């Protein structure tokens, strides 16, 4: 017969905490490694944007239509 192993709440939370910490560490390794790359930046990164952006009046009806389509097509 198989015995059912009981796990305490403390052991469960300890396991969950270890898993979350491991995922966080592994996820951050990629960003650390890309920060150490020796690639030269592309032209789009080095170009300076004009700030502040010029104001452009928008059509409220077009904005409403675009927002509605984005909500319905992309699932809100």
C-alpha atoms as a PDB file:
ATOM      1  CA  UNK A   1       0.000   0.000   0.000  1.00  0.00           C
ATOM      2  CA  UNK A   2       1.064   3.545  -0.666  1.00  0.00           C
ATOM      3  CA  UNK A   3       1.297   5.940   2.196  1.00  0.00           C
ATOM      4  CA  UNK A   4       0.092   9.474   1.624  1.00  0.00           C
ATOM      5  CA  UNK A   5       2.769  11.903   2.662  1.00  0.00           C
ATOM      6  CA  UNK A   6       1.383  14.885   4.516  1.00  0.00           C
ATOM      7  CA  UNK A   7       3.021  18.217   3.790  1.00  0.00           C
ATOM      8  CA  UNK A   8       2.820  21.016   6.301  1.00  0.00           C
ATOM      9  CA  UNK A   9       1.859  24.554   5.448  1.00  0.00           C
ATOM     10  CA  UNK A  10       5.350  25.690   6.435  1.00  0.00           C
ATOM     11  CA  UNK A  11       7.000  23.231   4.022  1.00  0.00           C
ATOM     12  CA  UNK A  12       4.604  24.209   1.236  1.00  0.00           C
ATOM     13  CA  UNK A  13       5.310  27.926   1.629  1.00  0.00           C
ATOM     14  CA  UNK A  14       9.046  27.259   1.843  1.00  0.00           C
ATOM     15  CA  UNK A  15       8.880  25.357  -1.467  1.00  0.00           C
ATOM     16  CA  UNK A  16       6.850  28.094  -3.146  1.00  0.00           C
ATOM     17  CA  UNK A  17       9.288  30.756  -1.924  1.00  0.00           C
ATOM     18  CA  UNK A  18      12.259  28.793  -3.236  1.00  0.00           C
ATOM     19  CA  UNK A  19      10.574  28.355  -6.614  1.00  0.00           C
ATOM     20  CA  UNK A  20       9.717  32.062  -6.925  1.00  0.00           C
ATOM     21  CA  UNK A  21      13.255  33.054  -5.944  1.00  0.00           C
ATOM     22  CA  UNK A  22      14.730  30.651  -8.503  1.00  0.00           C
ATOM     23  CA  UNK A  23      12.514  31.936 -11.301  1.00  0.00           C
ATOM     24  CA  UNK A  24      13.415  35.521 -10.411  1.00  0.00           C
ATOM     25  CA  UNK A  25      17.145  34.825 -10.428  1.00  0.00           C
ATOM     26  CA  UNK A  26      17.019  32.904 -13.708  1.00  0.00           C
ATOM     27  CA  UNK A  27      14.883  35.629 -15.317  1.00  0.00           C
ATOM     28  CA  UNK A  28      17.284  38.370 -14.313  1.00  0.00           C
ATOM     29  CA  UNK A  29      20.357  36.560 -15.686  1.00  0.00           C
ATOM     30  CA  UNK A  30      19.289  37.345 -19.256  1.00  0.00           C
ATOM     31  CA  UNK A  31      19.047  41.070 -18.586  1.00  0.00           C
ATOM     32  CA  UNK A  32      22.431  41.076 -16.875  1.00  0.00           C
ATOM     33  CA  UNK A  33      24.075  39.320 -19.798  1.00  0.00           C
ATOM     34  CA  UNK A  34      22.594  41.664 -22.406  1.00  0.00           C
ATOM     35  CA  UNK A  35      23.874  44.627 -20.395  1.00  0.00           C
ATOM     36  CA  UNK A  36      27.409  43.277 -20.796  1.00  0.00           C
ATOM     37  CA  UNK A  37      27.279  43.004 -24.576  1.00  0.00           C
ATOM     38  CA  UNK A  38      29.856  44.916 -26.621  1.00  0.00           C
ATOM     39  CA  UNK A  39      27.586  45.637 -29.587  1.00  0.00           C
ATOM     40  CA  UNK A  40      27.558  49.233 -30.752  1.00  0.00           C
ATOM     41  CA  UNK A  41      24.205  50.966 -30.466  1.00  0.00           C
ATOM     42  CA  UNK A  42      22.123  51.324 -33.599  1.00  0.00           C
ATOM     43  CA  UNK A  43      21.400  54.663 -35.212  1.00  0.00           C
ATOM     44  CA  UNK A  44      17.822  54.742 -33.902  1.00  0.00           C
ATOM     45  CA  UNK A  45      19.050  54.522 -30.312  1.00  0.00           C
ATOM     46  CA  UNK A  46      21.601  57.297 -30.641  1.00  0.00           C
ATOM     47  CA  UNK A  47      19.305  59.770 -32.419  1.00  0.00           C
ATOM     48  CA  UNK A  48      17.908  62.372 -30.092  1.00  0.00           C
ATOM     49  CA  UNK A  49      14.145  62.850 -30.062  1.00  0.00           C
ATOM     50  CA  UNK A  50      12.599  66.266 -30.226  1.00  0.00           C
ATOM     51  CA  UNK A  51      11.130  67.092 -26.851  1.00  0.00           C
ATOM     52  CA  UNK A  52       8.488  68.120 -26.057  1.00  0.00           C
ATOM     53  CA  UNK A  53       6.529  66.566 -28.859  1.00  0.00           C
ATOM     54  CA  UNK A  54       4.448  68.909 -30.953  1.00  0.00           C
ATOM     55  CA  UNK A  55       0.755  68.919 -30.110  1.00  0.00           C
ATOM     56  CA  UNK A  56      -1.535  67.492 -32.749  1.00  0.00           C
ATOM     57  CA  UNK A  57      -5.270  67.809 -32.431  1.00  0.00           C
ATOM     58  CA  UNK A  58      -6.998  64.448 -32.821  1.00  0.00           C
ATOM     59  CA  UNK A  59     -10.451  63.646 -34.101  1.00  0.00           C
ATOM     60  CA  UNK A  60     -12.529  62.251 -31.199  1.00  0.00           C
ATOM     61  CA  UNK A  61     -14.628  60.062 -33.495  1.00  0.00           C
ATOM     62  CA  UNK A  62     -11.552  58.423 -35.056  1.00  0.00           C
ATOM     63  CA  UNK A  63     -10.009  57.930 -31.612  1.00  0.00           C
ATOM     64  CA  UNK A  64     -13.203  56.305 -30.316  1.00  0.00           C
ATOM     65  CA  UNK A  65     -13.397  54.005 -33.346  1.00  0.00           C
ATOM     66  CA  UNK A  66      -9.754  53.011 -32.983  1.00  0.00           C
ATOM     67  CA  UNK A  67     -10.171  52.330 -29.252  1.00  0.00           C
ATOM     68  CA  UNK A  68     -13.290  50.236 -29.847  1.00  0.00           C
ATOM     69  CA  UNK A  69     -11.604  48.169 -32.577  1.00  0.00           C
ATOM     70  CA  UNK A  70      -8.529  47.641 -30.409  1.00  0.00           C
ATOM     71  CA  UNK A  71     -10.672  46.484 -27.512  1.00  0.00           C
ATOM     72  CA  UNK A  72     -12.770  44.087 -29.574  1.00  0.00           C
ATOM     73  CA  UNK A  73      -9.972  42.661 -31.733  1.00  0.00           C
ATOM     74  CA  UNK A  74      -7.298  42.310 -29.060  1.00  0.00           C
ATOM     75  CA  UNK A  75      -9.568  41.122 -26.277  1.00  0.00           C
ATOM     76  CA  UNK A  76      -9.654  44.195 -24.116  1.00  0.00           C
END
